[in-house]
Amino acid sequence: MRSHCKRRNGRCRLPKQVDHAARRAEIAEALTRLTATRGLEGVSLRHVAAEAGMSMGLVQHYFKTKDEMLLFAVERRSQVYEERLKARLQAGELPPAPKAIFRAIMAEILPLDERRRGDWLMGVAFLIRAISDPSFAAAYTEGVPQLFELFAVLIRQGQEAGDVDKSADPEHEAAILWALADSQGTNIVLKHRTPDEAMSTVDYYLDRLFGSAPAG
């Protein structure tokens, strides 16, 4: 079998293993940070390379265009949301109840701090591109219905547990909750409301929807 090691001073050294997934994630995070401060239109591949501490050539090895980078960053954002929620559930930090899960999702979506503000603005940039680009529009119309369905499932679980009124329409309630997150997020970014005020509104609505069930 042919050896893949490189010899230096008579010694065999294996090539350094590169974590390509980690590299792509670093680039996506750099794009998110820059988008939060400059806006997507003010960011180039060169800017992202400098922010990520990589060469321009290395960034282009993973992403040929800024649009490719944006699409990956938004898709990865959804995966990170899911991973954080699962980690909290597994660690026992979050009660496995629909109301508590709803609140955790809303708190993760809303731009309550700098990290989440960057994620929010990345989503806004993605929406703007989706208006004019069919490939982005397809990704957007695939992702949002999945979130609506998750919301509807949680509401049905609340109804089964007796915490949500049986007359409530899960699909309509899911749409209202998404509209609530959308409006409160915009108000936070524009500094019309504080993060605490926005979460207070979320809690107000969840308390009405789920009655007195604990949110965690």
Protein backbone atom coordinates (compact mmCIF):
# COMPACT_ATOMS: atom_id res chain seq x y z
CA MET A 1 0.00 0.00 0.00
CA ARG A 2 1.31 3.41 -0.95
CA SER A 3 2.14 5.67 1.96
CA HIS A 4 0.45 9.09 2.08
CA CYS A 5 2.92 10.56 4.53
CA LYS A 6 5.35 13.35 3.71
CA ARG A 7 9.00 12.82 4.64
CA ARG A 8 11.03 15.51 6.30
CA ASN A 9 14.49 14.84 7.72
CA GLY A 10 13.88 11.15 7.13
CA ARG A 11 10.72 11.12 9.22
CA CYS A 12 7.26 10.36 7.99
CA ARG A 13 4.69 13.05 8.72
CA LEU A 14 1.04 12.62 7.85
CA PRO A 15 -0.65 15.54 6.09
CA LYS A 16 -2.60 17.82 8.41
CA GLN A 17 -6.28 16.88 8.49
CA VAL A 18 -8.55 19.76 7.53
CA ASP A 19 -12.02 20.03 9.04
CA HIS A 20 -13.87 21.32 5.99
CA ALA A 21 -17.19 21.65 7.82
CA ALA A 22 -15.52 23.81 10.47
CA ARG A 23 -13.91 25.98 7.78
CA ARG A 24 -17.27 26.55 6.09
CA ALA A 25 -18.83 27.38 9.44
CA GLU A 26 -16.08 29.93 10.20
CA ILE A 27 -16.69 31.62 6.86
CA ALA A 28 -20.46 31.69 7.46
CA GLU A 29 -19.95 33.24 10.90
CA ALA A 30 -17.66 35.89 9.41
CA LEU A 31 -20.33 36.74 6.84
CA THR A 32 -22.96 36.98 9.58
CA ARG A 33 -20.85 39.38 11.65
CA LEU A 34 -20.14 41.62 8.67
CA THR A 35 -23.75 41.61 7.49
CA ALA A 36 -24.84 42.78 10.95
CA THR A 37 -22.53 45.80 10.80
CA ARG A 38 -22.28 46.66 7.07
CA GLY A 39 -25.32 45.11 5.46
CA LEU A 40 -25.00 42.41 2.83
CA GLU A 41 -24.47 44.80 -0.09
CA GLY A 42 -21.47 46.35 1.64
CA VAL A 43 -19.72 43.00 2.07
CA SER A 44 -17.45 41.35 -0.51
CA LEU A 45 -15.70 37.99 -0.55
CA ARG A 46 -12.49 39.85 0.24
CA HIS A 47 -14.10 41.39 3.33
CA VAL A 48 -15.27 37.97 4.48
CA ALA A 49 -11.81 36.47 3.95
CA ALA A 50 -10.23 39.20 6.08
CA GLU A 51 -12.86 38.79 8.82
CA ALA A 52 -12.39 35.01 8.86
CA GLY A 53 -8.59 35.33 8.85
CA MET A 54 -8.28 33.35 5.63
CA SER A 55 -6.93 33.98 2.17
CA MET A 56 -9.26 35.01 -0.63
CA GLY A 57 -8.38 31.83 -2.48
CA LEU A 58 -9.32 29.64 0.47
CA VAL A 59 -12.71 31.31 0.83
CA GLN A 60 -13.37 30.85 -2.89
CA HIS A 61 -12.40 27.20 -2.56
CA TYR A 62 -15.50 26.73 -0.40
CA PHE A 63 -17.81 29.38 -1.88
CA LYS A 64 -17.59 30.69 -5.44
CA THR A 65 -19.97 33.59 -4.84
CA LYS A 66 -21.40 35.64 -2.00
CA ASP A 67 -24.85 34.18 -2.75
CA GLU A 68 -23.54 30.64 -2.20
CA MET A 69 -22.12 31.80 1.10
CA LEU A 70 -25.38 33.46 2.14
CA LEU A 71 -27.47 30.41 1.29
CA PHE A 72 -25.17 28.18 3.34
CA ALA A 73 -25.12 30.63 6.26
CA VAL A 74 -28.91 30.76 6.48
CA GLU A 75 -29.29 26.98 6.21
CA ARG A 76 -26.64 26.51 8.88
CA ARG A 77 -28.41 29.00 11.13
CA SER A 78 -31.50 26.77 11.19
CA GLN A 79 -29.37 23.73 12.06
CA VAL A 80 -27.69 25.63 14.90
CA TYR A 81 -31.07 26.69 16.30
CA GLU A 82 -32.17 23.05 16.35
CA GLU A 83 -28.93 21.85 17.93
CA ARG A 84 -29.13 24.46 20.71
CA LEU A 85 -32.71 23.53 21.51
CA LYS A 86 -31.91 19.81 21.62
CA ALA A 87 -28.88 20.46 23.83
CA ARG A 88 -31.00 22.40 26.32
CA LEU A 89 -33.61 19.64 26.40
CA GLN A 90 -30.99 16.91 26.87
CA ALA A 91 -29.26 18.88 29.63
CA GLY A 92 -32.54 19.29 31.48
CA GLU A 93 -32.37 23.09 31.21
CA LEU A 94 -35.69 23.20 29.40
CA PRO A 95 -38.90 21.38 30.42
CA PRO A 96 -40.11 19.13 27.56
CA ALA A 97 -43.44 20.99 27.45
CA PRO A 98 -44.85 22.73 24.35
CA LYS A 99 -45.08 26.16 26.01
CA ALA A 100 -41.48 26.04 27.25
CA ILE A 101 -40.24 24.87 23.85
CA PHE A 102 -42.20 27.64 22.13
CA ARG A 103 -40.64 30.27 24.39
CA ALA A 104 -37.14 28.88 23.78
CA ILE A 105 -37.69 28.98 20.00
CA MET A 106 -38.96 32.55 20.11
CA ALA A 107 -36.05 33.63 22.32
CA GLU A 108 -33.61 32.06 19.86
CA ILE A 109 -35.24 33.68 16.83
CA LEU A 110 -35.53 37.20 18.23
CA PRO A 111 -32.47 39.53 18.08
CA LEU A 112 -32.06 39.71 21.86
CA ASP A 113 -28.27 40.13 21.79
CA GLU A 114 -25.47 40.78 19.29
CA ARG A 115 -25.20 37.15 18.15
CA ARG A 116 -28.92 36.82 17.55
CA ARG A 117 -29.05 40.29 16.00
CA GLY A 118 -26.53 39.14 13.41
CA ASP A 119 -28.62 36.04 12.70
CA TRP A 120 -31.74 38.18 12.34
CA LEU A 121 -30.13 40.58 9.89
CA MET A 122 -28.78 37.62 7.93
CA GLY A 123 -32.36 36.41 7.60
CA VAL A 124 -33.44 39.85 6.36
CA ALA A 125 -30.69 39.81 3.73
CA PHE A 126 -31.80 36.34 2.69
CA LEU A 127 -35.43 37.49 2.33
CA ILE A 128 -34.39 40.42 0.14
CA ARG A 129 -32.42 38.09 -2.16
CA ALA A 130 -35.38 35.66 -2.25
CA ILE A 131 -37.58 38.38 -3.77
CA SER A 132 -35.47 38.50 -6.93
CA ASP A 133 -33.69 35.11 -7.02
CA PRO A 134 -35.72 31.91 -7.66
CA SER A 135 -33.16 29.65 -5.93
CA PHE A 136 -33.35 31.72 -2.75
CA ALA A 137 -37.14 31.91 -3.01
CA ALA A 138 -37.30 28.10 -3.22
CA ALA A 139 -35.18 27.72 -0.10
CA TYR A 140 -37.30 30.28 1.73
CA THR A 141 -40.63 28.66 0.81
CA GLU A 142 -39.22 25.31 1.93
CA GLY A 143 -38.00 26.49 5.32
CA VAL A 144 -40.89 28.66 6.54
CA PRO A 145 -43.64 26.00 6.15
CA GLN A 146 -41.48 23.59 8.17
CA LEU A 147 -41.37 26.11 11.01
CA PHE A 148 -45.13 26.68 10.77
CA GLU A 149 -45.70 22.91 10.97
CA LEU A 150 -43.47 22.67 14.06
CA PHE A 151 -45.50 25.46 15.69
CA ALA A 152 -48.76 23.71 14.78
CA VAL A 153 -47.52 20.39 16.21
CA LEU A 154 -46.61 22.07 19.51
CA ILE A 155 -50.05 23.67 19.69
CA ARG A 156 -51.75 20.31 19.05
CA GLN A 157 -49.64 18.79 21.82
CA GLY A 158 -50.83 21.58 24.10
CA GLN A 159 -54.43 20.78 23.17
CA GLU A 160 -53.90 17.09 23.91
CA ALA A 161 -52.45 18.00 27.31
CA GLY A 162 -55.42 20.25 28.06
CA ASP A 163 -53.31 23.44 28.13
CA VAL A 164 -54.64 24.94 24.88
CA ASP A 165 -58.31 25.45 24.10
CA LYS A 166 -59.65 22.75 21.78
CA SER A 167 -61.30 25.43 19.62
CA ALA A 168 -57.94 27.02 18.74
CA ASP A 169 -56.84 26.48 15.13
CA PRO A 170 -53.20 25.24 15.21
CA GLU A 171 -52.36 26.56 11.73
CA HIS A 172 -53.78 30.02 12.41
CA GLU A 173 -52.08 30.19 15.80
CA ALA A 174 -48.78 29.16 14.18
CA ALA A 175 -49.11 32.00 11.66
CA ILE A 176 -49.87 34.48 14.46
CA LEU A 177 -46.82 33.37 16.46
CA TRP A 178 -44.56 33.76 13.42
CA ALA A 179 -46.02 37.22 12.75
CA LEU A 180 -45.40 38.08 16.41
CA ALA A 181 -41.74 37.04 16.16
CA ASP A 182 -41.33 38.93 12.89
CA SER A 183 -42.83 42.17 14.21
CA GLN A 184 -41.03 42.09 17.55
CA GLY A 185 -37.69 41.32 15.89
CA THR A 186 -38.07 44.30 13.56
CA ASN A 187 -38.99 46.55 16.48
CA ILE A 188 -35.91 45.45 18.44
CA VAL A 189 -33.54 46.06 15.52
CA LEU A 190 -35.06 49.51 14.90
CA LYS A 191 -34.87 50.20 18.66
CA HIS A 192 -38.60 50.82 18.92
CA ARG A 193 -38.75 48.20 21.67
CA THR A 194 -36.22 46.66 24.03
CA PRO A 195 -35.50 42.91 24.05
CA ASP A 196 -37.20 42.65 27.47
CA GLU A 197 -40.32 44.39 26.17
CA ALA A 198 -40.45 42.08 23.15
CA MET A 199 -40.14 38.95 25.29
CA SER A 200 -42.80 40.32 27.61
CA THR A 201 -45.17 40.49 24.63
CA VAL A 202 -44.23 36.91 23.68
CA ASP A 203 -44.94 35.74 27.24
CA TYR A 204 -48.25 37.62 27.24
CA TYR A 205 -49.40 35.80 24.14
CA LEU A 206 -48.12 32.38 25.23
CA ASP A 207 -49.85 32.78 28.60
CA ARG A 208 -53.14 33.46 26.80
CA LEU A 209 -52.63 30.54 24.41
CA PHE A 210 -51.44 28.00 26.97
CA GLY A 211 -53.27 29.25 30.00
CA SER A 212 -51.28 28.93 33.23
CA ALA A 213 -48.99 26.09 32.07
CA PRO A 214 -45.40 26.81 33.24
CA ALA A 215 -43.04 28.20 30.57
CA GLY A 216 -39.81 27.10 32.27
